[in-house]
C-alpha atoms as a PDB file:
ATOM      1  CA  MET A   1      86.258  98.042 122.946  1.00  0.00           C
ATOM      2  CA  SER A   2      83.120 101.071 123.037  1.00  0.00           C
ATOM      3  CA  ARG A   3      84.677 104.902 122.122  1.00  0.00           C
ATOM      4  CA  GLN A   4      83.125 107.815 123.445  1.00  0.00           C
ATOM      5  CA  PRO A   5      81.054 110.008 121.532  1.00  0.00           C
ATOM      6  CA  SER A   6      83.439 112.524 121.754  1.00  0.00           C
ATOM      7  CA  TYR A   7      85.556 110.426 119.809  1.00  0.00           C
ATOM      8  CA  ASN A   8      83.414 108.947 116.493  1.00  0.00           C
ATOM      9  CA  GLY A   9      82.888 112.713 116.257  1.00  0.00           C
ATOM     10  CA  HIS A  10      86.907 113.818 116.199  1.00  0.00           C
ATOM     11  CA  ILE A  11      86.863 110.335 113.429  1.00  0.00           C
ATOM     12  CA  ARG A  12      84.206 111.403 111.241  1.00  0.00           C
ATOM     13  CA  LYS A  13      85.640 114.868 111.240  1.00  0.00           C
ATOM     14  CA  SER A  14      89.375 113.701 110.561  1.00  0.00           C
ATOM     15  CA  LEU A  15      88.057 110.827 108.625  1.00  0.00           C
ATOM     16  CA  PRO A  16      87.838 112.672 104.853  1.00  0.00           C
ATOM     17  CA  GLU A  17      92.114 113.833 104.865  1.00  0.00           C
ATOM     18  CA  LEU A  18      93.630 110.240 106.099  1.00  0.00           C
ATOM     19  CA  HIS A  19      91.736 108.844 103.136  1.00  0.00           C
ATOM     20  CA  ARG A  20      93.203 111.975 101.417  1.00  0.00           C
ATOM     21  CA  SER A  21      96.408 110.716 102.380  1.00  0.00           C
ATOM     22  CA  VAL A  22      96.109 107.223 102.300  1.00  0.00           C
ATOM     23  CA  LEU A  23      94.835 108.025  98.447  1.00  0.00           C
ATOM     24  CA  ASP A  24      97.930 110.031  97.910  1.00  0.00           C
ATOM     25  CA  ILE A  25     100.482 107.266  99.108  1.00  0.00           C
ATOM     26  CA  VAL A  26      98.560 104.699  97.627  1.00  0.00           C
ATOM     27  CA  SER A  27      98.745 107.565  93.766  1.00  0.00           C
ATOM     28  CA  ILE A  28     102.509 106.930  94.288  1.00  0.00           C
ATOM     29  CA  PHE A  29     102.722 103.604  94.908  1.00  0.00           C
ATOM     30  CA  ASN A  30     100.461 102.861  91.615  1.00  0.00           C
ATOM     31  CA  SER A  31     102.324 105.341  89.787  1.00  0.00           C
ATOM     32  CA  PRO A  32     104.110 104.420  86.228  1.00  0.00           C
ATOM     33  CA  GLU A  33     106.261 107.247  86.853  1.00  0.00           C
ATOM     34  CA  ARG A  34     107.971 105.912  89.662  1.00  0.00           C
ATOM     35  CA  ASP A  35     107.737 102.525  89.505  1.00  0.00           C
ATOM     36  CA  ALA A  36     110.273 103.821  85.641  1.00  0.00           C
ATOM     37  CA  ALA A  37     112.283 105.247  88.543  1.00  0.00           C
ATOM     38  CA  MET A  38     112.715 102.675  90.983  1.00  0.00           C
ATOM     39  CA  LEU A  39     113.412 100.265  88.589  1.00  0.00           C
ATOM     40  CA  GLU A  40     116.408 102.758  86.990  1.00  0.00           C
ATOM     41  CA  SER A  41     117.475 102.973  90.174  1.00  0.00           C
ATOM     42  CA  ALA A  42     117.973  99.301  90.924  1.00  0.00           C
ATOM     43  CA  GLY A  43     119.943  99.192  87.445  1.00  0.00           C
ATOM     44  CA  LEU A  44     116.587  96.528  85.809  1.00  0.00           C
ATOM     45  CA  THR A  45     115.318  96.995  83.033  1.00  0.00           C
ATOM     46  CA  ILE A  46     111.432  94.671  83.290  1.00  0.00           C
ATOM     47  CA  GLU A  47     108.647  96.241  82.223  1.00  0.00           C
ATOM     48  CA  ARG A  48     106.990  97.809  84.282  1.00  0.00           C
ATOM     49  CA  ALA A  49     103.795  96.091  84.791  1.00  0.00           C
ATOM     50  CA  LEU A  50     105.621  93.014  85.520  1.00  0.00           C
ATOM     51  CA  PHE A  51     107.146  94.815  88.073  1.00  0.00           C
ATOM     52  CA  PRO A  52     104.938  94.695  90.966  1.00  0.00           C
ATOM     53  CA  LEU A  53     104.040  91.255  90.827  1.00  0.00           C
ATOM     54  CA  LEU A  54     107.719  90.326  90.969  1.00  0.00           C
ATOM     55  CA  VAL A  55     108.141  92.134  94.062  1.00  0.00           C
ATOM     56  CA  LEU A  56     104.466  90.441  95.726  1.00  0.00           C
ATOM     57  CA  VAL A  57     106.085  87.166  94.498  1.00  0.00           C
ATOM     58  CA  ALA A  58     108.773  87.568  95.900  1.00  0.00           C
ATOM     59  CA  LYS A  59     107.489  88.694  98.838  1.00  0.00           C
ATOM     60  CA  TYR A  60     104.066  86.978  99.738  1.00  0.00           C
ATOM     61  CA  GLY A  61     105.932  83.883  96.979  1.00  0.00           C
ATOM     62  CA  PRO A  62     104.636  80.848  97.324  1.00  0.00           C
ATOM     63  CA  THR A  63     101.251  81.981  95.999  1.00  0.00           C
ATOM     64  CA  GLY A  64      98.701  81.258  93.493  1.00  0.00           C
ATOM     65  CA  VAL A  65      97.778  84.108  90.312  1.00  0.00           C
ATOM     66  CA  VAL A  66      94.429  84.758  91.417  1.00  0.00           C
ATOM     67  CA  ASP A  67      96.031  85.910  94.651  1.00  0.00           C
ATOM     68  CA  LEU A  68      98.436  88.679  92.893  1.00  0.00           C
ATOM     69  CA  ALA A  69      95.670  89.456  90.425  1.00  0.00           C
ATOM     70  CA  SER A  70      93.413  90.948  94.226  1.00  0.00           C
ATOM     71  CA  ARG A  71      96.707  92.402  95.337  1.00  0.00           C
ATOM     72  CA  VAL A  72      97.746  94.550  92.056  1.00  0.00           C
ATOM     73  CA  GLY A  73      94.006  95.050  91.183  1.00  0.00           C
ATOM     74  CA  ARG A  74      94.274  93.364  87.998  1.00  0.00           C
ATOM     75  CA  ASP A  75      91.551  90.568  85.917  1.00  0.00           C
ATOM     76  CA  HIS A  76      93.783  87.876  86.674  1.00  0.00           C
ATOM     77  CA  THR A  77      93.126  86.647  82.412  1.00  0.00           C
ATOM     78  CA  THR A  78      96.158  89.336  82.410  1.00  0.00           C
ATOM     79  CA  VAL A  79      98.279  89.016  85.377  1.00  0.00           C
ATOM     80  CA  SER A  80      98.040  85.155  84.190  1.00  0.00           C
ATOM     81  CA  ARG A  81      99.528  86.614  81.186  1.00  0.00           C
ATOM     82  CA  GLN A  82     102.295  88.663  82.769  1.00  0.00           C
ATOM     83  CA  VAL A  83     103.539  85.542  84.848  1.00  0.00           C
ATOM     84  CA  ALA A  84     104.736  83.469  81.636  1.00  0.00           C
ATOM     85  CA  ARG A  85     106.880  86.830  80.861  1.00  0.00           C
ATOM     86  CA  LEU A  86     108.447  86.808  84.085  1.00  0.00           C
ATOM     87  CA  GLU A  87     108.978  83.059  83.605  1.00  0.00           C
ATOM     88  CA  GLU A  88     110.222  83.899  80.509  1.00  0.00           C
ATOM     89  CA  LEU A  89     112.539  86.048  81.043  1.00  0.00           C
ATOM     90  CA  GLY A  90     113.932  83.583  84.553  1.00  0.00           C
ATOM     91  CA  LEU A  91     112.209  85.702  87.380  1.00  0.00           C
ATOM     92  CA  VAL A  92     109.933  82.961  88.654  1.00  0.00           C
ATOM     93  CA  ASP A  93     108.745  79.688  87.906  1.00  0.00           C
ATOM     94  CA  ARG A  94     105.322  77.831  87.988  1.00  0.00           C
ATOM     95  CA  ASN A  95     104.979  75.303  90.303  1.00  0.00           C
ATOM     96  CA  VAL A  96     101.624  72.349  90.808  1.00  0.00           C
ATOM     97  CA  ASN A  97     100.462  72.895  94.495  1.00  0.00           C
ATOM     98  CA  LEU A  98     100.906  70.338  96.480  1.00  0.00           C
ATOM     99  CA  GLY A  99      98.041  71.169  98.448  1.00  0.00           C
ATOM    100  CA  ASN A 100      95.302  71.488  95.347  1.00  0.00           C
ATOM    101  CA  HIS A 101      96.595  70.124  92.126  1.00  0.00           C
ATOM    102  CA  ARG A 102      94.585  71.842  90.118  1.00  0.00           C
ATOM    103  CA  MET A 103      95.957  75.599  91.171  1.00  0.00           C
ATOM    104  CA  ARG A 104     100.235  76.593  89.958  1.00  0.00           C
ATOM    105  CA  GLN A 105     102.129  78.244  92.458  1.00  0.00           C
ATOM    106  CA  VAL A 106     103.960  80.777  91.393  1.00  0.00           C
ATOM    107  CA  SER A 107     107.211  81.575  92.924  1.00  0.00           C
ATOM    108  CA  VAL A 108     111.297  83.140  92.905  1.00  0.00           C
ATOM    109  CA  THR A 109     113.685  82.234  91.046  1.00  0.00           C
ATOM    110  CA  THR A 110     117.412  83.011  92.100  1.00  0.00           C
ATOM    111  CA  GLN A 111     117.672  86.042  89.619  1.00  0.00           C
ATOM    112  CA  GLY A 112     114.094  86.497  90.572  1.00  0.00           C
ATOM    113  CA  LYS A 113     116.436  87.489  94.065  1.00  0.00           C
ATOM    114  CA  VAL A 114     118.527  88.972  92.642  1.00  0.00           C
ATOM    115  CA  ALA A 115     116.539  90.716  90.893  1.00  0.00           C
ATOM    116  CA  THR A 116     114.558  92.205  94.335  1.00  0.00           C
ATOM    117  CA  GLU A 117     117.449  92.409  96.005  1.00  0.00           C
ATOM    118  CA  ALA A 118     118.124  95.550  93.990  1.00  0.00           C
ATOM    119  CA  VAL A 119     114.727  97.234  94.489  1.00  0.00           C
ATOM    120  CA  ASP A 120     115.375  96.745  97.934  1.00  0.00           C
ATOM    121  CA  ALA A 121     118.634  98.335  97.723  1.00  0.00           C
ATOM    122  CA  ALA A 122     116.607 101.095  95.851  1.00  0.00           C
ATOM    123  CA  ARG A 123     113.741 101.068  98.283  1.00  0.00           C
ATOM    124  CA  GLU A 124     116.602 101.719 101.131  1.00  0.00           C
ATOM    125  CA  ARG A 125     118.833 104.788  99.701  1.00  0.00           C
ATOM    126  CA  LEU A 126     114.866 106.498  98.655  1.00  0.00           C
ATOM    127  CA  ALA A 127     113.595 105.629 102.427  1.00  0.00           C
ATOM    128  CA  LEU A 128     117.031 106.525 104.020  1.00  0.00           C
ATOM    129  CA  LYS A 129     116.927 109.496 102.120  1.00  0.00           C
ATOM    130  CA  MET A 130     113.435 110.414 103.138  1.00  0.00           C
ATOM    131  CA  PHE A 131     113.531 109.743 106.271  1.00  0.00           C
ATOM    132  CA  ARG A 132     117.414 111.442 106.683  1.00  0.00           C
ATOM    133  CA  ASP A 133     115.100 113.993 108.497  1.00  0.00           C
ATOM    134  CA  TRP A 134     112.734 112.138 110.732  1.00  0.00           C
ATOM    135  CA  SER A 135     113.441 111.471 114.735  1.00  0.00           C
ATOM    136  CA  ARG A 136     113.724 107.466 115.591  1.00  0.00           C
ATOM    137  CA  SER A 137     110.337 108.242 117.373  1.00  0.00           C
ATOM    138  CA  ASP A 138     108.436 110.204 114.542  1.00  0.00           C
ATOM    139  CA  TYR A 139     109.809 106.836 112.342  1.00  0.00           C
ATOM    140  CA  ASP A 140     109.003 103.954 115.019  1.00  0.00           C
ATOM    141  CA  GLN A 141     105.447 105.351 115.218  1.00  0.00           C
ATOM    142  CA  LEU A 142     104.987 105.349 111.731  1.00  0.00           C
ATOM    143  CA  LEU A 143     105.303 102.072 111.478  1.00  0.00           C
ATOM    144  CA  ARG A 144     103.872 101.269 114.306  1.00  0.00           C
ATOM    145  CA  LEU A 145     100.704 103.305 112.931  1.00  0.00           C
ATOM    146  CA  THR A 146     100.443 101.847 109.804  1.00  0.00           C
ATOM    147  CA  ARG A 147     100.959  98.534 110.441  1.00  0.00           C
ATOM    148  CA  MET A 148      97.841  99.033 112.654  1.00  0.00           C
ATOM    149  CA  LEU A 149      96.306 100.606 109.825  1.00  0.00           C
ATOM    150  CA  ALA A 150      96.825  97.802 107.511  1.00  0.00           C
ATOM    151  CA  ASP A 151      95.904  95.142 109.805  1.00  0.00           C
ATOM    152  CA  GLY A 152      92.153  97.217 110.469  1.00  0.00           C
ATOM    153  CA  LEU A 153      91.748  97.182 107.043  1.00  0.00           C
ATOM    154  CA  TYR A 154      92.157  93.047 106.530  1.00  0.00           C
ATOM    155  CA  GLU A 155      90.072  93.211 109.703  1.00  0.00           C
ATOM    156  CA  THR A 156      87.161  95.335 108.837  1.00  0.00           C
ATOM    157  CA  PRO A 157      86.022  95.392 105.628  1.00  0.00           C
ATOM    158  CA  ALA A 158      82.640  97.459 104.458  1.00  0.00           C
ATOM    159  CA  PRO A 159      79.999  97.122 107.221  1.00  0.00           C
ATOM    160  CA  GLY A 160      76.743  95.239 104.923  1.00  0.00           C
ATOM    161  CA  SER A 161      78.822  94.309 102.356  1.00  0.00           C
ATOM    162  CA  ARG A 162      79.659  89.956 100.696  1.00  0.00           C
ATOM    163  CA  LEU A 163      83.154  89.977 102.275  1.00  0.00           C
ATOM    164  CA  ALA A 164      82.117  90.872 105.869  1.00  0.00           C
ATOM    165  CA  GLU A 165      79.289  88.354 105.907  1.00  0.00           C
ATOM    166  CA  GLN A 166      82.086  86.251 105.216  1.00  0.00           C
ATOM    167  CA  ILE A 167      84.555  87.420 107.590  1.00  0.00           C
ATOM    168  CA  GLY A 168      82.013  87.856 109.974  1.00  0.00           C
ATOM    169  CA  ARG A 169      80.906  83.585 109.414  1.00  0.00           C
ATOM    170  CA  SER A 170      84.341  82.612 109.427  1.00  0.00           C
ATOM    171  CA  ALA A 171      85.130  84.435 113.158  1.00  0.00           C
ATOM    172  CA  ARG A 172      81.700  82.855 114.485  1.00  0.00           C
ATOM    173  CA  SER A 173      83.086  79.495 112.967  1.00  0.00           C
ATOM    174  CA  ALA A 174      86.311  80.020 114.889  1.00  0.00           C
ATOM    175  CA  GLN A 175      84.366  80.906 118.214  1.00  0.00           C
ATOM    176  CA  SER A 176      82.222  78.104 117.436  1.00  0.00           C
ATOM    177  CA  ASN A 177      85.680  75.964 117.175  1.00  0.00           C
ATOM    178  CA  HIS A 178      87.245  77.281 119.146  1.00  0.00           C
ATOM    179  CA  ASP A 179      84.673  76.500 122.047  1.00  0.00           C
ATOM    180  CA  SER A 180      83.564  73.125 120.940  1.00  0.00           C
ATOM    181  CA  VAL A 181      87.314  72.093 122.095  1.00  0.00           C
ATOM    182  CA  LYS A 182      87.335  74.200 125.564  1.00  0.00           C
ATOM    183  CA  GLY A 183      84.226  73.175 126.869  1.00  0.00           C
END
């Protein structure tokens, strides 16, 4: 759907404010102090650097080390060592990927699930306090719009980038396959 020039102008004018807000949110989520506070509230004593990995494995696992590294913006060799530490602590397991025997997948253990449930409970306490003065409508709009933003960011890489070209090729290939099945 094409937008009117006035709408595009509005986006251009307000984009710096949106970008600042997103950077503020990312900075808060990446704050070591916030992670430490969340761990403390959850009653956990694991190393702060391991915390986001454990949460991601619980939410997206089983998953590979390379995917985890990409999600946290760390080198895969660093993440591999950190996953080994989580495994030593009994919070995750590494198993052979049945689809590709050269890869290992990381999954959360029962003990890891107990830990992430404690984090979820701490996150819920924080959210209930933070959103206590929001209307239901405002909160529901936040849910809908942040999902739209996340989906849009995922589906729309920077124009001219290799990632954009790769996604474009994949989309064209999928459309071609769809058309050939349909025809």
